[in-house]
């Protein structure tokens, strides 16, 4: 049986994950450092990890395995989960797999180096849109169905 793990700090799609997980009857762990309102849904369990860098990521990476679905925007966490056999989705619905995680990691590292080399380079990126939310819902539905078949 699949489990969904949500890297919940700054996750814009927690409500969507809960809705889809409930429809499929899938246990969901919402992992964060605190500050989230617990869900009354019996399928959703909030996990509050101690403060510290990457503690939530390590909690998820230690548990995610084949057939599970992980929702994260954290690329190193995504790489660990893909390696463990989990299905990984970014918040915008982009699927991270064995076939593309190497390129995604390399791009992340390159952009990090560019930002470090130019202190005036402004970060940011495009905002989260309704299209991203819709793409995410569609991708989560697909991944849960595929996980159930496997």
N, C-alpha and C. Protein backbone atom coordinates (compact mmCIF):
# COMPACT_ATOMS: atom_id res chain seq x y z
N UNK A 1 0.83 -1.18 0.00
CA UNK A 1 0.00 0.00 0.00
C UNK A 1 0.87 1.24 0.00
N UNK A 2 0.56 2.18 -0.82
CA UNK A 2 1.33 3.42 -0.93
C UNK A 2 1.11 4.33 0.27
N UNK A 3 2.11 5.15 0.49
CA UNK A 3 2.05 6.21 1.49
C UNK A 3 2.50 7.49 0.81
N UNK A 4 1.90 8.60 1.20
CA UNK A 4 2.33 9.89 0.68
C UNK A 4 3.09 10.61 1.78
N UNK A 5 4.24 11.16 1.41
CA UNK A 5 5.04 11.98 2.32
C UNK A 5 5.10 13.39 1.74
N UNK A 6 4.75 14.38 2.54
CA UNK A 6 4.76 15.77 2.10
C UNK A 6 5.82 16.53 2.88
N UNK A 7 6.78 17.08 2.17
CA UNK A 7 7.75 18.00 2.76
C UNK A 7 7.00 19.32 2.90
N UNK A 8 6.40 19.54 4.06
CA UNK A 8 5.34 20.55 4.21
C UNK A 8 5.81 21.98 4.43
N UNK A 9 7.05 22.18 4.82
CA UNK A 9 7.51 23.56 5.01
C UNK A 9 7.46 24.27 3.65
N UNK A 10 6.66 25.32 3.57
CA UNK A 10 6.49 26.13 2.36
C UNK A 10 5.86 25.34 1.20
N UNK A 11 5.07 24.34 1.50
CA UNK A 11 4.40 23.56 0.45
C UNK A 11 3.04 24.20 0.13
N UNK A 12 2.84 24.61 -1.12
CA UNK A 12 1.58 25.28 -1.47
C UNK A 12 0.43 24.34 -1.83
N UNK A 13 0.66 23.02 -1.78
CA UNK A 13 -0.37 22.09 -2.24
C UNK A 13 -0.81 21.08 -1.18
N UNK A 14 -0.67 21.43 0.10
CA UNK A 14 -1.05 20.50 1.17
C UNK A 14 -2.54 20.13 1.10
N UNK A 15 -3.39 21.09 0.88
CA UNK A 15 -4.83 20.82 0.82
C UNK A 15 -5.17 19.91 -0.35
N UNK A 16 -4.51 20.10 -1.47
CA UNK A 16 -4.75 19.26 -2.65
C UNK A 16 -4.29 17.82 -2.40
N UNK A 17 -3.14 17.68 -1.74
CA UNK A 17 -2.65 16.34 -1.41
C UNK A 17 -3.66 15.62 -0.52
N UNK A 18 -4.15 16.32 0.50
CA UNK A 18 -5.11 15.71 1.42
C UNK A 18 -6.38 15.28 0.69
N UNK A 19 -6.86 16.11 -0.21
CA UNK A 19 -8.08 15.79 -0.95
C UNK A 19 -7.90 14.54 -1.82
N UNK A 20 -6.80 14.46 -2.55
CA UNK A 20 -6.55 13.31 -3.42
C UNK A 20 -6.26 12.06 -2.58
N UNK A 21 -5.50 12.21 -1.51
CA UNK A 21 -5.19 11.06 -0.64
C UNK A 21 -6.45 10.49 -0.02
N UNK A 22 -7.36 11.36 0.37
CA UNK A 22 -8.62 10.91 0.97
C UNK A 22 -9.45 10.14 -0.05
N UNK A 23 -9.50 10.65 -1.27
CA UNK A 23 -10.25 9.96 -2.32
C UNK A 23 -9.70 8.56 -2.58
N UNK A 24 -8.38 8.41 -2.47
CA UNK A 24 -7.75 7.11 -2.72
C UNK A 24 -7.57 6.27 -1.45
N UNK A 25 -7.86 6.85 -0.28
CA UNK A 25 -7.70 6.13 0.98
C UNK A 25 -6.24 5.86 1.32
N UNK A 26 -5.36 6.83 1.05
CA UNK A 26 -3.92 6.65 1.23
C UNK A 26 -3.44 7.42 2.46
N UNK A 27 -2.69 6.74 3.32
CA UNK A 27 -2.09 7.36 4.51
C UNK A 27 -1.11 8.44 4.06
N UNK A 28 -1.17 9.60 4.71
CA UNK A 28 -0.33 10.73 4.33
C UNK A 28 0.37 11.29 5.56
N UNK A 29 1.67 11.51 5.43
CA UNK A 29 2.46 12.13 6.49
C UNK A 29 2.85 13.53 6.02
N UNK A 30 2.46 14.53 6.79
CA UNK A 30 2.79 15.93 6.51
C UNK A 30 3.91 16.28 7.49
N UNK A 31 5.12 16.43 6.97
CA UNK A 31 6.31 16.56 7.80
C UNK A 31 6.83 18.00 7.78
N UNK A 32 7.02 18.56 8.99
CA UNK A 32 7.49 19.95 9.06
C UNK A 32 8.18 20.20 10.40
N UNK A 33 8.72 21.40 10.54
CA UNK A 33 9.36 21.81 11.79
C UNK A 33 8.38 22.43 12.77
N UNK A 34 7.12 22.50 12.40
CA UNK A 34 6.11 23.06 13.29
C UNK A 34 5.35 24.19 12.63
N UNK A 35 4.33 24.64 13.31
CA UNK A 35 3.59 25.78 12.82
C UNK A 35 2.44 25.46 11.89
N UNK A 36 2.18 24.20 11.64
CA UNK A 36 1.05 23.83 10.79
C UNK A 36 -0.11 23.36 11.65
N UNK A 37 -1.29 23.72 11.21
CA UNK A 37 -2.49 23.27 11.91
C UNK A 37 -2.73 21.80 11.57
N UNK A 38 -2.90 20.95 12.56
CA UNK A 38 -3.14 19.53 12.29
C UNK A 38 -4.46 19.32 11.56
N UNK A 39 -4.47 18.35 10.69
CA UNK A 39 -5.69 18.02 9.96
C UNK A 39 -6.54 17.08 10.80
N UNK A 40 -7.86 17.25 10.76
CA UNK A 40 -8.73 16.32 11.48
C UNK A 40 -8.92 15.00 10.71
N UNK A 41 -8.41 14.95 9.50
CA UNK A 41 -8.54 13.77 8.66
C UNK A 41 -7.76 12.60 9.26
N UNK A 42 -8.39 11.45 9.49
CA UNK A 42 -7.68 10.32 10.10
C UNK A 42 -6.59 9.72 9.21
N UNK A 43 -6.63 10.01 7.92
CA UNK A 43 -5.59 9.51 7.01
C UNK A 43 -4.36 10.41 6.98
N UNK A 44 -4.46 11.60 7.56
CA UNK A 44 -3.36 12.57 7.52
C UNK A 44 -2.75 12.70 8.91
N UNK A 45 -1.46 12.46 8.97
CA UNK A 45 -0.74 12.59 10.24
C UNK A 45 0.32 13.67 10.12
N UNK A 46 0.23 14.67 10.98
CA UNK A 46 1.27 15.70 11.03
C UNK A 46 2.45 15.17 11.82
N UNK A 47 3.64 15.32 11.28
CA UNK A 47 4.86 14.91 11.96
C UNK A 47 5.69 16.17 12.18
N UNK A 48 5.89 16.51 13.44
CA UNK A 48 6.70 17.67 13.80
C UNK A 48 8.08 17.15 14.17
N UNK A 49 9.08 17.56 13.39
CA UNK A 49 10.45 17.13 13.65
C UNK A 49 11.18 18.24 14.40
N UNK A 50 12.28 17.91 15.08
CA UNK A 50 13.04 18.93 15.80
C UNK A 50 13.60 19.98 14.83
N UNK A 51 13.85 21.17 15.37
CA UNK A 51 14.48 22.22 14.58
C UNK A 51 15.85 21.75 14.12
N UNK A 52 16.25 22.22 12.98
CA UNK A 52 17.57 21.90 12.46
C UNK A 52 17.53 21.77 10.96
N UNK A 53 18.67 21.95 10.33
CA UNK A 53 18.71 21.89 8.87
C UNK A 53 18.42 20.47 8.36
N UNK A 54 17.50 20.38 7.45
CA UNK A 54 17.19 19.14 6.75
C UNK A 54 16.66 18.00 7.62
N UNK A 55 16.17 18.29 8.83
CA UNK A 55 15.66 17.24 9.70
C UNK A 55 14.39 16.63 9.09
N UNK A 56 13.51 17.47 8.57
CA UNK A 56 12.29 16.95 7.92
C UNK A 56 12.66 16.11 6.70
N UNK A 57 13.63 16.58 5.94
CA UNK A 57 14.07 15.85 4.75
C UNK A 57 14.61 14.47 5.13
N UNK A 58 15.41 14.43 6.18
CA UNK A 58 15.98 13.14 6.61
C UNK A 58 14.88 12.19 7.08
N UNK A 59 13.86 12.73 7.77
CA UNK A 59 12.76 11.90 8.25
C UNK A 59 12.06 11.25 7.07
N UNK A 60 11.80 12.02 6.04
CA UNK A 60 11.13 11.48 4.84
C UNK A 60 12.03 10.50 4.12
N UNK A 61 13.29 10.88 3.90
CA UNK A 61 14.22 10.02 3.15
C UNK A 61 14.43 8.68 3.84
N UNK A 62 14.38 8.65 5.15
CA UNK A 62 14.57 7.40 5.90
C UNK A 62 13.38 6.45 5.75
N UNK A 63 12.21 6.96 5.33
CA UNK A 63 11.00 6.14 5.29
C UNK A 63 10.46 5.87 3.90
N UNK A 64 10.69 6.78 2.97
CA UNK A 64 10.13 6.62 1.62
C UNK A 64 10.77 5.44 0.91
N UNK A 65 9.92 4.66 0.25
CA UNK A 65 10.39 3.46 -0.42
C UNK A 65 9.56 3.21 -1.68
N UNK A 66 9.81 2.12 -2.34
CA UNK A 66 9.12 1.78 -3.57
C UNK A 66 7.61 1.80 -3.36
N UNK A 67 6.92 2.49 -4.27
CA UNK A 67 5.47 2.57 -4.20
C UNK A 67 4.95 3.78 -3.46
N UNK A 68 5.81 4.47 -2.72
CA UNK A 68 5.40 5.68 -2.01
C UNK A 68 5.47 6.88 -2.94
N UNK A 69 4.77 7.93 -2.57
CA UNK A 69 4.80 9.18 -3.33
C UNK A 69 5.30 10.28 -2.39
N UNK A 70 6.29 11.03 -2.85
CA UNK A 70 6.87 12.11 -2.06
C UNK A 70 6.62 13.42 -2.78
N UNK A 71 6.13 14.41 -2.03
CA UNK A 71 5.88 15.75 -2.56
C UNK A 71 6.91 16.68 -1.96
N UNK A 72 7.79 17.25 -2.80
CA UNK A 72 8.83 18.13 -2.29
C UNK A 72 9.34 19.05 -3.39
N UNK A 73 9.85 20.18 -2.97
CA UNK A 73 10.55 21.08 -3.87
C UNK A 73 12.05 21.02 -3.61
N UNK A 74 12.45 20.19 -2.67
CA UNK A 74 13.85 20.05 -2.27
C UNK A 74 14.51 18.99 -3.16
N UNK A 75 15.41 19.42 -4.02
CA UNK A 75 15.99 18.52 -5.02
C UNK A 75 16.88 17.43 -4.40
N UNK A 76 17.75 17.74 -3.43
CA UNK A 76 18.53 16.65 -2.82
C UNK A 76 17.63 15.61 -2.15
N UNK A 77 16.56 16.03 -1.48
CA UNK A 77 15.62 15.07 -0.90
C UNK A 77 14.98 14.25 -2.01
N UNK A 78 14.58 14.90 -3.07
CA UNK A 78 13.97 14.20 -4.20
C UNK A 78 14.91 13.12 -4.74
N UNK A 79 16.19 13.45 -4.85
CA UNK A 79 17.17 12.49 -5.38
C UNK A 79 17.27 11.26 -4.47
N UNK A 80 17.27 11.48 -3.16
CA UNK A 80 17.33 10.35 -2.22
C UNK A 80 16.09 9.47 -2.34
N UNK A 81 14.94 10.10 -2.49
CA UNK A 81 13.69 9.35 -2.57
C UNK A 81 13.57 8.59 -3.89
N UNK A 82 14.01 9.22 -4.98
CA UNK A 82 14.01 8.54 -6.28
C UNK A 82 14.93 7.32 -6.20
N UNK A 83 16.09 7.49 -5.58
CA UNK A 83 17.03 6.38 -5.42
C UNK A 83 16.42 5.23 -4.61
N UNK A 84 15.56 5.57 -3.65
CA UNK A 84 14.90 4.56 -2.81
C UNK A 84 13.71 3.91 -3.51
N UNK A 85 13.36 4.41 -4.71
CA UNK A 85 12.27 3.80 -5.47
C UNK A 85 10.94 4.52 -5.35
N UNK A 86 10.91 5.63 -4.61
CA UNK A 86 9.65 6.38 -4.46
C UNK A 86 9.37 7.20 -5.71
N UNK A 87 8.11 7.53 -5.88
CA UNK A 87 7.68 8.44 -6.95
C UNK A 87 7.71 9.84 -6.35
N UNK A 88 8.32 10.78 -7.07
CA UNK A 88 8.52 12.12 -6.53
C UNK A 88 7.89 13.17 -7.44
N UNK A 89 7.14 14.08 -6.80
CA UNK A 89 6.52 15.20 -7.51
C UNK A 89 6.96 16.51 -6.88
N UNK A 90 7.24 17.49 -7.75
CA UNK A 90 7.44 18.85 -7.28
C UNK A 90 6.06 19.49 -7.15
N UNK A 91 5.99 20.64 -6.50
CA UNK A 91 4.71 21.31 -6.26
C UNK A 91 4.00 21.72 -7.53
N UNK A 92 4.74 21.90 -8.60
CA UNK A 92 4.14 22.32 -9.86
C UNK A 92 3.72 21.14 -10.74
N UNK A 93 3.83 19.93 -10.21
CA UNK A 93 3.43 18.74 -10.96
C UNK A 93 4.54 18.08 -11.74
N UNK A 94 5.73 18.65 -11.71
CA UNK A 94 6.86 18.03 -12.42
C UNK A 94 7.24 16.73 -11.72
N UNK A 95 7.35 15.67 -12.49
CA UNK A 95 7.72 14.37 -11.96
C UNK A 95 9.24 14.23 -12.01
N UNK A 96 9.83 13.80 -10.91
CA UNK A 96 11.27 13.56 -10.85
C UNK A 96 11.50 12.06 -10.83
N UNK A 97 12.33 11.60 -11.77
CA UNK A 97 12.56 10.17 -11.96
C UNK A 97 14.05 9.88 -12.08
N UNK A 98 14.38 8.60 -12.18
CA UNK A 98 15.77 8.21 -12.42
C UNK A 98 16.30 8.86 -13.70
N UNK A 99 15.42 9.03 -14.68
CA UNK A 99 15.84 9.56 -15.98
C UNK A 99 16.17 11.05 -15.95
N UNK A 100 15.57 11.82 -15.04
CA UNK A 100 15.82 13.26 -15.08
C UNK A 100 16.43 13.85 -13.80
N UNK A 101 16.55 13.09 -12.74
CA UNK A 101 17.00 13.67 -11.47
C UNK A 101 18.45 14.15 -11.55
N UNK A 102 19.29 13.48 -12.33
CA UNK A 102 20.68 13.92 -12.48
C UNK A 102 20.77 15.31 -13.10
N UNK A 103 20.00 15.55 -14.14
CA UNK A 103 19.99 16.86 -14.78
C UNK A 103 19.42 17.93 -13.85
N UNK A 104 18.38 17.58 -13.11
CA UNK A 104 17.77 18.54 -12.18
C UNK A 104 18.76 18.91 -11.07
N UNK A 105 19.47 17.92 -10.56
CA UNK A 105 20.50 18.19 -9.52
C UNK A 105 21.61 19.07 -10.08
N UNK A 106 22.07 18.76 -11.30
CA UNK A 106 23.15 19.53 -11.91
C UNK A 106 22.72 20.98 -12.13
N UNK A 107 21.49 21.19 -12.59
CA UNK A 107 20.98 22.54 -12.80
C UNK A 107 20.89 23.29 -11.48
N UNK A 108 20.41 22.61 -10.44
CA UNK A 108 20.32 23.23 -9.11
C UNK A 108 21.70 23.67 -8.65
N UNK A 109 22.69 22.79 -8.79
CA UNK A 109 24.05 23.12 -8.35
C UNK A 109 24.63 24.27 -9.17
N UNK A 110 24.40 24.28 -10.48
CA UNK A 110 24.88 25.35 -11.32
C UNK A 110 24.28 26.69 -10.90
N UNK A 111 22.98 26.71 -10.68
CA UNK A 111 22.32 27.96 -10.28
C UNK A 111 22.81 28.42 -8.91
N UNK A 112 23.07 27.49 -8.02
CA UNK A 112 23.61 27.84 -6.71
C UNK A 112 24.99 28.48 -6.85
N UNK A 113 25.83 27.91 -7.72
CA UNK A 113 27.16 28.46 -7.96
C UNK A 113 27.07 29.86 -8.58
N UNK A 114 26.15 30.05 -9.52
CA UNK A 114 25.98 31.35 -10.16
C UNK A 114 25.54 32.40 -9.14
N UNK A 115 24.62 32.02 -8.25
CA UNK A 115 24.17 32.97 -7.23
C UNK A 115 25.30 33.32 -6.27
N UNK A 116 26.12 32.32 -5.93
CA UNK A 116 27.24 32.56 -5.01
C UNK A 116 28.30 33.45 -5.66
N UNK A 117 28.48 33.34 -6.97
CA UNK A 117 29.49 34.11 -7.67
C UNK A 117 29.07 35.57 -7.88
N UNK A 118 27.77 35.83 -7.87
CA UNK A 118 27.26 37.18 -8.11
C UNK A 118 26.33 37.58 -6.97
N UNK A 119 26.85 38.27 -5.96
CA UNK A 119 26.02 38.62 -4.79
C UNK A 119 24.86 39.55 -5.13
N UNK A 120 24.90 40.18 -6.30
CA UNK A 120 23.82 41.09 -6.68
C UNK A 120 22.73 40.38 -7.48
N UNK A 121 22.96 39.12 -7.79
CA UNK A 121 21.97 38.35 -8.55
C UNK A 121 20.75 38.12 -7.65
N UNK A 122 19.62 38.56 -8.09
CA UNK A 122 18.40 38.41 -7.31
C UNK A 122 17.81 37.03 -7.56
N UNK A 123 17.42 36.37 -6.50
CA UNK A 123 16.79 35.05 -6.61
C UNK A 123 15.37 35.18 -7.08
N UNK A 124 14.57 34.33 -6.62
CA UNK A 124 13.16 34.39 -7.00
C UNK A 124 12.85 33.33 -8.03
N UNK A 125 12.11 33.68 -8.97
CA UNK A 125 11.64 32.75 -9.98
C UNK A 125 10.18 33.06 -10.20
N UNK A 126 9.56 32.26 -11.01
CA UNK A 126 8.16 32.54 -11.29
C UNK A 126 7.29 32.11 -10.11
N UNK A 127 6.17 32.76 -9.97
CA UNK A 127 5.24 32.47 -8.88
C UNK A 127 4.45 31.19 -9.15
N UNK A 128 3.79 30.73 -8.12
CA UNK A 128 2.97 29.52 -8.20
C UNK A 128 1.61 29.91 -8.77
N UNK A 129 1.18 29.27 -9.86
CA UNK A 129 -0.03 29.67 -10.56
C UNK A 129 -1.14 28.62 -10.45
N UNK A 130 -2.32 29.00 -10.90
CA UNK A 130 -3.44 28.05 -10.96
C UNK A 130 -3.10 26.89 -11.90
N UNK A 131 -2.38 27.17 -12.95
CA UNK A 131 -1.97 26.13 -13.88
C UNK A 131 -1.05 25.12 -13.19
N UNK A 132 -0.12 25.63 -12.36
CA UNK A 132 0.77 24.74 -11.59
C UNK A 132 -0.05 23.84 -10.67
N UNK A 133 -1.04 24.42 -10.00
CA UNK A 133 -1.88 23.66 -9.08
C UNK A 133 -2.65 22.57 -9.83
N UNK A 134 -3.19 22.92 -10.97
CA UNK A 134 -3.93 21.96 -11.79
C UNK A 134 -3.01 20.84 -12.30
N UNK A 135 -1.82 21.23 -12.76
CA UNK A 135 -0.84 20.25 -13.24
C UNK A 135 -0.43 19.31 -12.10
N UNK A 136 -0.28 19.87 -10.88
CA UNK A 136 0.07 19.06 -9.73
C UNK A 136 -1.03 18.03 -9.43
N UNK A 137 -2.27 18.48 -9.39
CA UNK A 137 -3.39 17.56 -9.11
C UNK A 137 -3.44 16.42 -10.11
N UNK A 138 -3.26 16.73 -11.37
CA UNK A 138 -3.27 15.70 -12.41
C UNK A 138 -2.11 14.73 -12.21
N UNK A 139 -0.93 15.26 -11.93
CA UNK A 139 0.26 14.42 -11.75
C UNK A 139 0.12 13.53 -10.51
N UNK A 140 -0.42 14.07 -9.42
CA UNK A 140 -0.59 13.27 -8.20
C UNK A 140 -1.58 12.13 -8.45
N UNK A 141 -2.64 12.43 -9.12
CA UNK A 141 -3.63 11.39 -9.46
C UNK A 141 -2.96 10.28 -10.28
N UNK A 142 -2.19 10.65 -11.29
CA UNK A 142 -1.48 9.67 -12.13
C UNK A 142 -0.51 8.83 -11.32
N UNK A 143 0.27 9.48 -10.46
CA UNK A 143 1.28 8.77 -9.68
C UNK A 143 0.64 7.82 -8.68
N UNK A 144 -0.44 8.22 -8.04
CA UNK A 144 -1.12 7.31 -7.10
C UNK A 144 -1.69 6.10 -7.82
N UNK A 145 -2.28 6.32 -8.97
CA UNK A 145 -2.81 5.18 -9.74
C UNK A 145 -1.70 4.25 -10.17
N UNK A 146 -0.58 4.80 -10.62
CA UNK A 146 0.56 3.97 -11.04
C UNK A 146 1.14 3.22 -9.84
N UNK A 147 1.21 3.87 -8.69
CA UNK A 147 1.74 3.22 -7.48
C UNK A 147 0.86 2.07 -7.05
N UNK A 148 -0.46 2.22 -7.20
CA UNK A 148 -1.38 1.14 -6.82
C UNK A 148 -1.23 -0.06 -7.74
N UNK A 149 -0.95 0.19 -9.02
CA UNK A 149 -0.78 -0.91 -9.98
C UNK A 149 0.50 -1.68 -9.71
N UNK A 150 1.53 -0.96 -9.26
CA UNK A 150 2.86 -1.59 -9.08
C UNK A 150 2.89 -2.56 -7.92
